[in-house]
Structure formats: C-alpha cells, structure tokens
C-alpha cells in the first residue's frame, strides 16, 4: 500500500501549508514552518494515525515526506 499521499496531507495540515506546495523529497530544513518541534508533532500524529511506532534509531532520518511514507510502509 502506498501511504505517500496520506502522509503528505497530514504533514501539510500540521505545517499549515497547501498540500501542493509540499515537495515530498524536500528536507524539513527547506520547508517553511517545519522545525524540530513540529517534526515531533508530525511523528506522533503519524504514529497515532497509522497505529505504529517509529524506532528511536530511525527518528533522525525521517526528515521528509518520502522518508516518512517509506518508513510507515516498512512498519505496516
């Protein structure tokens, strides 16, 4: 199953930006409003939404929408 679009919508909602403006491969440092605090909100929201838990070792690598979607796919 491809989770990319769903993850993109959730992340855009948290960042309060239009979905169309969110490049799935852009690093969080390149996206307006995406700081470390919002990244924690994104991670916890995705964990709750998809009923998963990101491994602690991988959290620092999950800094773009594509990486988040790929990790969710691995965990599901």
C-alpha atoms as a PDB file:
ATOM      1  CA  UNK A   1       0.000   0.000   0.000  1.00  0.00           C
ATOM      2  CA  UNK A   2       1.247   3.477  -0.804  1.00  0.00           C
ATOM      3  CA  UNK A   3       0.986   5.872   2.128  1.00  0.00           C
ATOM      4  CA  UNK A   4       2.613   8.869   0.432  1.00  0.00           C
ATOM      5  CA  UNK A   5      -0.496  10.945  -0.303  1.00  0.00           C
ATOM      6  CA  UNK A   6      -1.974  10.372   3.132  1.00  0.00           C
ATOM      7  CA  UNK A   7       1.303  11.306   4.849  1.00  0.00           C
ATOM      8  CA  UNK A   8       1.625  14.377   2.637  1.00  0.00           C
ATOM      9  CA  UNK A   9      -1.859  15.574   3.613  1.00  0.00           C
ATOM     10  CA  UNK A  10      -1.183  15.067   7.326  1.00  0.00           C
ATOM     11  CA  UNK A  11       2.186  16.848   7.198  1.00  0.00           C
ATOM     12  CA  UNK A  12       0.788  19.759   5.165  1.00  0.00           C
ATOM     13  CA  UNK A  13      -2.054  20.108   7.656  1.00  0.00           C
ATOM     14  CA  UNK A  14       0.306  20.253  10.624  1.00  0.00           C
ATOM     15  CA  UNK A  15       2.576  22.736   8.848  1.00  0.00           C
ATOM     16  CA  UNK A  16      -0.461  24.750   7.724  1.00  0.00           C
ATOM     17  CA  UNK A  17       0.649  24.887   4.105  1.00  0.00           C
ATOM     18  CA  UNK A  18      -1.182  23.824   0.945  1.00  0.00           C
ATOM     19  CA  UNK A  19      -0.553  20.184   0.008  1.00  0.00           C
ATOM     20  CA  UNK A  20       0.514  21.277  -3.488  1.00  0.00           C
ATOM     21  CA  UNK A  21       3.395  23.309  -2.016  1.00  0.00           C
ATOM     22  CA  UNK A  22       4.881  20.364  -0.133  1.00  0.00           C
ATOM     23  CA  UNK A  23       7.670  18.661  -2.070  1.00  0.00           C
ATOM     24  CA  UNK A  24       7.806  15.072  -0.798  1.00  0.00           C
ATOM     25  CA  UNK A  25      11.590  14.932  -1.100  1.00  0.00           C
ATOM     26  CA  UNK A  26      12.344  18.349   0.407  1.00  0.00           C
ATOM     27  CA  UNK A  27      14.250  18.176   3.672  1.00  0.00           C
ATOM     28  CA  UNK A  28      12.447  19.604   6.704  1.00  0.00           C
ATOM     29  CA  UNK A  29      15.042  22.419   6.856  1.00  0.00           C
ATOM     30  CA  UNK A  30      13.893  23.562   3.419  1.00  0.00           C
ATOM     31  CA  UNK A  31      10.179  23.688   4.278  1.00  0.00           C
ATOM     32  CA  UNK A  32       8.641  26.725   5.922  1.00  0.00           C
ATOM     33  CA  UNK A  33       7.297  26.047   9.435  1.00  0.00           C
ATOM     34  CA  UNK A  34       8.940  22.585   9.660  1.00  0.00           C
ATOM     35  CA  UNK A  35      11.161  22.822  12.718  1.00  0.00           C
ATOM     36  CA  UNK A  36      12.201  20.182  15.241  1.00  0.00           C
ATOM     37  CA  UNK A  37       9.168  20.774  17.454  1.00  0.00           C
ATOM     38  CA  UNK A  38       6.748  20.393  14.557  1.00  0.00           C
ATOM     39  CA  UNK A  39       8.665  17.309  13.468  1.00  0.00           C
ATOM     40  CA  UNK A  40       7.849  15.718  16.832  1.00  0.00           C
ATOM     41  CA  UNK A  41       4.185  16.610  16.334  1.00  0.00           C
ATOM     42  CA  UNK A  42       4.302  15.087  12.839  1.00  0.00           C
ATOM     43  CA  UNK A  43       5.917  11.886  14.115  1.00  0.00           C
ATOM     44  CA  UNK A  44       3.474  11.442  16.981  1.00  0.00           C
ATOM     45  CA  UNK A  45       0.472  12.230  14.762  1.00  0.00           C
ATOM     46  CA  UNK A  46       1.591   9.686  12.167  1.00  0.00           C
ATOM     47  CA  UNK A  47       2.237   7.063  14.854  1.00  0.00           C
ATOM     48  CA  UNK A  48      -1.258   7.533  16.214  1.00  0.00           C
ATOM     49  CA  UNK A  49      -2.922   7.706  12.791  1.00  0.00           C
ATOM     50  CA  UNK A  50      -1.237   4.587  11.399  1.00  0.00           C
ATOM     51  CA  UNK A  51      -1.040   2.753  14.749  1.00  0.00           C
ATOM     52  CA  UNK A  52       2.712   2.279  14.533  1.00  0.00           C
ATOM     53  CA  UNK A  53       5.793   3.303  16.481  1.00  0.00           C
ATOM     54  CA  UNK A  54       8.858   4.656  14.743  1.00  0.00           C
ATOM     55  CA  UNK A  55      12.093   3.056  16.011  1.00  0.00           C
ATOM     56  CA  UNK A  56      14.120   5.522  18.072  1.00  0.00           C
ATOM     57  CA  UNK A  57      17.179   4.887  15.892  1.00  0.00           C
ATOM     58  CA  UNK A  58      15.332   5.993  12.746  1.00  0.00           C
ATOM     59  CA  UNK A  59      13.680   9.192  14.003  1.00  0.00           C
ATOM     60  CA  UNK A  60      16.554  11.470  12.986  1.00  0.00           C
ATOM     61  CA  UNK A  61      16.432  10.135   9.422  1.00  0.00           C
ATOM     62  CA  UNK A  62      12.725  10.879   8.986  1.00  0.00           C
ATOM     63  CA  UNK A  63      13.032  14.448   7.768  1.00  0.00           C
ATOM     64  CA  UNK A  64      10.952  14.464   4.589  1.00  0.00           C
ATOM     65  CA  UNK A  65       7.563  13.174   3.498  1.00  0.00           C
ATOM     66  CA  UNK A  66       9.005  10.426   1.288  1.00  0.00           C
ATOM     67  CA  UNK A  67      11.131   9.039   4.135  1.00  0.00           C
ATOM     68  CA  UNK A  68       8.135   9.087   6.477  1.00  0.00           C
ATOM     69  CA  UNK A  69       5.924   7.258   3.978  1.00  0.00           C
ATOM     70  CA  UNK A  70       8.659   4.677   3.259  1.00  0.00           C
ATOM     71  CA  UNK A  71       9.164   4.019   6.969  1.00  0.00           C
ATOM     72  CA  UNK A  72       5.434   3.616   7.555  1.00  0.00           C
ATOM     73  CA  UNK A  73       5.256   1.144   4.679  1.00  0.00           C
ATOM     74  CA  UNK A  74       8.098  -0.880   6.258  1.00  0.00           C
ATOM     75  CA  UNK A  75       6.377  -0.881   9.655  1.00  0.00           C
ATOM     76  CA  UNK A  76       2.962  -1.901   8.308  1.00  0.00           C
END
